[in-house]
Amino acid sequence: MADVNDNLRRAVEMALAGDWDAAHQLVQQHENNAMAAWIHAVLHKMEGDLANSGYWYRLAGRMEHFDDEPHAELAAITTELKK
């Protein structure tokens, strides 16, 4: 099985490529992971579901990013995943 961070990097790549559904399915496999919750929040923001997005931001402990532009935020997540 792929490493969690590999899956999360792949989910970010999918989201940036416009494959929201595939990215969403991938992060849902790691619901107990804070980074996955952050990606999940961004995906729902991209979808326009801000209430659901807020829920995932709270779970991730990343509410300070609620108003961030999604693509820039995904780039920041990619940087975090490389650490």
N, C-alpha and C. Protein backbone atom coordinates (compact mmCIF):
# COMPACT_ATOMS: atom_id res chain seq x y z
N MET A 1 0.85 -1.20 0.00
CA MET A 1 0.00 0.00 0.00
C MET A 1 0.89 1.25 0.00
N ALA A 2 0.43 2.26 -0.68
CA ALA A 2 1.20 3.50 -0.80
C ALA A 2 1.27 4.21 0.55
N ASP A 3 2.35 4.90 0.74
CA ASP A 3 2.55 5.73 1.93
C ASP A 3 1.47 6.82 1.96
N VAL A 4 1.04 7.20 3.17
CA VAL A 4 0.00 8.23 3.31
C VAL A 4 0.42 9.52 2.60
N ASN A 5 1.66 9.97 2.83
CA ASN A 5 2.10 11.21 2.18
C ASN A 5 2.13 11.09 0.67
N ASP A 6 2.45 9.90 0.14
CA ASP A 6 2.38 9.70 -1.31
C ASP A 6 0.96 9.88 -1.80
N ASN A 7 0.01 9.30 -1.08
CA ASN A 7 -1.40 9.45 -1.45
C ASN A 7 -1.85 10.91 -1.37
N LEU A 8 -1.40 11.60 -0.34
CA LEU A 8 -1.80 13.01 -0.20
C LEU A 8 -1.19 13.88 -1.27
N ARG A 9 0.07 13.63 -1.61
CA ARG A 9 0.69 14.37 -2.73
C ARG A 9 -0.07 14.10 -4.03
N ARG A 10 -0.45 12.85 -4.23
CA ARG A 10 -1.21 12.50 -5.43
C ARG A 10 -2.57 13.20 -5.44
N ALA A 11 -3.21 13.27 -4.28
CA ALA A 11 -4.51 13.96 -4.18
C ALA A 11 -4.38 15.43 -4.54
N VAL A 12 -3.31 16.07 -4.09
CA VAL A 12 -3.07 17.47 -4.43
C VAL A 12 -2.86 17.62 -5.93
N GLU A 13 -2.06 16.74 -6.51
CA GLU A 13 -1.83 16.78 -7.96
C GLU A 13 -3.14 16.62 -8.72
N MET A 14 -3.98 15.70 -8.28
CA MET A 14 -5.28 15.48 -8.92
C MET A 14 -6.16 16.73 -8.82
N ALA A 15 -6.16 17.34 -7.64
CA ALA A 15 -6.97 18.54 -7.44
C ALA A 15 -6.50 19.67 -8.35
N LEU A 16 -5.18 19.85 -8.43
CA LEU A 16 -4.64 20.89 -9.30
C LEU A 16 -4.92 20.63 -10.77
N ALA A 17 -5.06 19.35 -11.13
CA ALA A 17 -5.37 18.98 -12.51
C ALA A 17 -6.87 19.02 -12.80
N GLY A 18 -7.66 19.34 -11.76
CA GLY A 18 -9.10 19.44 -11.96
C GLY A 18 -9.87 18.15 -11.72
N ASP A 19 -9.20 17.13 -11.22
CA ASP A 19 -9.87 15.85 -10.96
C ASP A 19 -10.31 15.80 -9.50
N TRP A 20 -11.29 16.64 -9.17
CA TRP A 20 -11.77 16.81 -7.81
C TRP A 20 -12.26 15.49 -7.23
N ASP A 21 -13.05 14.74 -7.97
CA ASP A 21 -13.63 13.49 -7.44
C ASP A 21 -12.56 12.49 -7.03
N ALA A 22 -11.56 12.29 -7.87
CA ALA A 22 -10.49 11.33 -7.55
C ALA A 22 -9.70 11.81 -6.33
N ALA A 23 -9.42 13.10 -6.26
CA ALA A 23 -8.69 13.65 -5.12
C ALA A 23 -9.50 13.46 -3.84
N HIS A 24 -10.78 13.69 -3.93
CA HIS A 24 -11.68 13.55 -2.78
C HIS A 24 -11.71 12.11 -2.30
N GLN A 25 -11.83 11.18 -3.22
CA GLN A 25 -11.85 9.76 -2.85
C GLN A 25 -10.55 9.37 -2.15
N LEU A 26 -9.44 9.90 -2.61
CA LEU A 26 -8.14 9.55 -2.04
C LEU A 26 -7.99 10.11 -0.61
N VAL A 27 -8.35 11.37 -0.39
CA VAL A 27 -8.19 11.93 0.96
C VAL A 27 -9.16 11.30 1.95
N GLN A 28 -10.30 10.84 1.48
CA GLN A 28 -11.27 10.20 2.37
C GLN A 28 -10.71 8.91 2.97
N GLN A 29 -9.71 8.33 2.36
CA GLN A 29 -9.10 7.12 2.89
C GLN A 29 -8.24 7.41 4.12
N HIS A 30 -7.97 8.68 4.39
CA HIS A 30 -7.08 9.07 5.48
C HIS A 30 -7.74 10.11 6.38
N GLU A 31 -9.01 9.90 6.72
CA GLU A 31 -9.78 10.90 7.44
C GLU A 31 -9.21 11.26 8.81
N ASN A 32 -8.41 10.40 9.41
CA ASN A 32 -7.85 10.69 10.73
C ASN A 32 -6.52 11.43 10.65
N ASN A 33 -6.10 11.80 9.45
CA ASN A 33 -4.84 12.49 9.24
C ASN A 33 -5.11 13.98 9.07
N ALA A 34 -4.42 14.82 9.85
CA ALA A 34 -4.67 16.27 9.81
C ALA A 34 -4.37 16.87 8.44
N MET A 35 -3.33 16.40 7.78
CA MET A 35 -2.99 16.93 6.46
C MET A 35 -4.07 16.54 5.44
N ALA A 36 -4.58 15.33 5.55
CA ALA A 36 -5.67 14.89 4.67
C ALA A 36 -6.91 15.75 4.91
N ALA A 37 -7.16 16.07 6.18
CA ALA A 37 -8.32 16.93 6.51
C ALA A 37 -8.14 18.31 5.90
N TRP A 38 -6.90 18.84 5.90
CA TRP A 38 -6.65 20.14 5.30
C TRP A 38 -6.91 20.09 3.80
N ILE A 39 -6.42 19.06 3.13
CA ILE A 39 -6.67 18.91 1.69
C ILE A 39 -8.17 18.76 1.45
N HIS A 40 -8.82 17.99 2.28
CA HIS A 40 -10.27 17.79 2.17
C HIS A 40 -11.00 19.14 2.26
N ALA A 41 -10.54 19.99 3.17
CA ALA A 41 -11.13 21.32 3.32
C ALA A 41 -10.99 22.14 2.04
N VAL A 42 -9.81 22.09 1.45
CA VAL A 42 -9.57 22.85 0.21
C VAL A 42 -10.45 22.31 -0.91
N LEU A 43 -10.57 21.00 -0.99
CA LEU A 43 -11.41 20.41 -2.05
C LEU A 43 -12.85 20.88 -1.94
N HIS A 44 -13.38 20.92 -0.73
CA HIS A 44 -14.76 21.39 -0.57
C HIS A 44 -14.88 22.88 -0.84
N LYS A 45 -13.81 23.63 -0.55
CA LYS A 45 -13.81 25.06 -0.89
C LYS A 45 -13.86 25.21 -2.41
N MET A 46 -13.07 24.41 -3.12
CA MET A 46 -13.06 24.46 -4.59
C MET A 46 -14.43 24.10 -5.16
N GLU A 47 -15.10 23.19 -4.47
CA GLU A 47 -16.43 22.75 -4.89
C GLU A 47 -17.49 23.82 -4.62
N GLY A 48 -17.18 24.74 -3.69
CA GLY A 48 -18.13 25.77 -3.32
C GLY A 48 -18.94 25.43 -2.09
N ASP A 49 -18.61 24.33 -1.42
CA ASP A 49 -19.32 23.89 -0.21
C ASP A 49 -18.56 24.42 1.01
N LEU A 50 -18.77 25.70 1.33
CA LEU A 50 -17.99 26.35 2.38
C LEU A 50 -18.31 25.83 3.78
N ALA A 51 -19.54 25.41 4.02
CA ALA A 51 -19.88 24.86 5.34
C ALA A 51 -19.09 23.58 5.59
N ASN A 52 -19.08 22.70 4.61
CA ASN A 52 -18.34 21.45 4.73
C ASN A 52 -16.84 21.73 4.79
N SER A 53 -16.39 22.68 4.01
CA SER A 53 -15.00 23.08 4.02
C SER A 53 -14.59 23.54 5.42
N GLY A 54 -15.40 24.36 6.04
CA GLY A 54 -15.11 24.84 7.39
C GLY A 54 -14.99 23.72 8.40
N TYR A 55 -15.84 22.72 8.26
CA TYR A 55 -15.78 21.54 9.13
C TYR A 55 -14.39 20.89 9.04
N TRP A 56 -13.90 20.69 7.82
CA TRP A 56 -12.61 20.04 7.62
C TRP A 56 -11.45 20.93 8.04
N TYR A 57 -11.58 22.24 7.84
CA TYR A 57 -10.54 23.16 8.34
C TYR A 57 -10.44 23.06 9.86
N ARG A 58 -11.58 23.01 10.53
CA ARG A 58 -11.55 22.88 11.99
C ARG A 58 -10.88 21.58 12.41
N LEU A 59 -11.22 20.47 11.74
CA LEU A 59 -10.59 19.19 12.07
C LEU A 59 -9.08 19.22 11.84
N ALA A 60 -8.67 19.92 10.81
CA ALA A 60 -7.25 19.99 10.47
C ALA A 60 -6.50 20.99 11.36
N GLY A 61 -7.24 21.84 12.08
CA GLY A 61 -6.60 22.88 12.87
C GLY A 61 -5.99 23.96 12.00
N ARG A 62 -6.63 24.24 10.86
CA ARG A 62 -6.08 25.19 9.86
C ARG A 62 -7.08 26.27 9.47
N MET A 63 -7.92 26.70 10.40
CA MET A 63 -8.94 27.71 10.08
C MET A 63 -8.34 29.00 9.52
N GLU A 64 -7.07 29.27 9.85
CA GLU A 64 -6.45 30.50 9.35
C GLU A 64 -6.33 30.50 7.82
N HIS A 65 -6.52 29.35 7.19
CA HIS A 65 -6.43 29.25 5.73
C HIS A 65 -7.80 29.28 5.03
N PHE A 66 -8.86 29.46 5.79
CA PHE A 66 -10.21 29.40 5.22
C PHE A 66 -10.39 30.34 4.04
N ASP A 67 -9.80 31.52 4.09
CA ASP A 67 -9.98 32.52 3.03
C ASP A 67 -8.88 32.49 1.97
N ASP A 68 -7.94 31.55 2.09
CA ASP A 68 -6.84 31.47 1.11
C ASP A 68 -7.36 31.03 -0.26
N GLU A 69 -6.65 31.45 -1.28
CA GLU A 69 -6.96 31.01 -2.65
C GLU A 69 -6.58 29.53 -2.76
N PRO A 70 -7.49 28.69 -3.25
CA PRO A 70 -7.27 27.24 -3.23
C PRO A 70 -6.01 26.74 -3.92
N HIS A 71 -5.68 27.26 -5.09
CA HIS A 71 -4.50 26.76 -5.80
C HIS A 71 -3.20 27.12 -5.08
N ALA A 72 -3.15 28.34 -4.53
CA ALA A 72 -1.98 28.74 -3.74
C ALA A 72 -1.90 27.90 -2.47
N GLU A 73 -3.03 27.62 -1.90
CA GLU A 73 -3.08 26.79 -0.70
C GLU A 73 -2.60 25.37 -0.98
N LEU A 74 -3.01 24.81 -2.10
CA LEU A 74 -2.54 23.47 -2.47
C LEU A 74 -1.02 23.47 -2.70
N ALA A 75 -0.50 24.55 -3.24
CA ALA A 75 0.96 24.66 -3.40
C ALA A 75 1.64 24.67 -2.03
N ALA A 76 1.05 25.38 -1.06
CA ALA A 76 1.60 25.40 0.30
C ALA A 76 1.53 24.02 0.94
N ILE A 77 0.46 23.30 0.69
CA ILE A 77 0.32 21.94 1.21
C ILE A 77 1.40 21.04 0.62
N THR A 78 1.66 21.19 -0.67
CA THR A 78 2.70 20.40 -1.33
C THR A 78 4.04 20.64 -0.65
N THR A 79 4.33 21.89 -0.32
CA THR A 79 5.57 22.22 0.39
C THR A 79 5.61 21.54 1.75
N GLU A 80 4.51 21.57 2.46
CA GLU A 80 4.42 20.93 3.78
C GLU A 80 4.66 19.41 3.67
N LEU A 81 4.12 18.82 2.62
CA LEU A 81 4.26 17.37 2.45
C LEU A 81 5.69 16.94 2.12
N LYS A 82 6.49 17.88 1.65
CA LYS A 82 7.88 17.56 1.31
C LYS A 82 8.79 17.57 2.54
N LYS A 83 8.30 18.11 3.64
CA LYS A 83 9.13 18.21 4.85
C LYS A 83 9.29 16.86 5.52
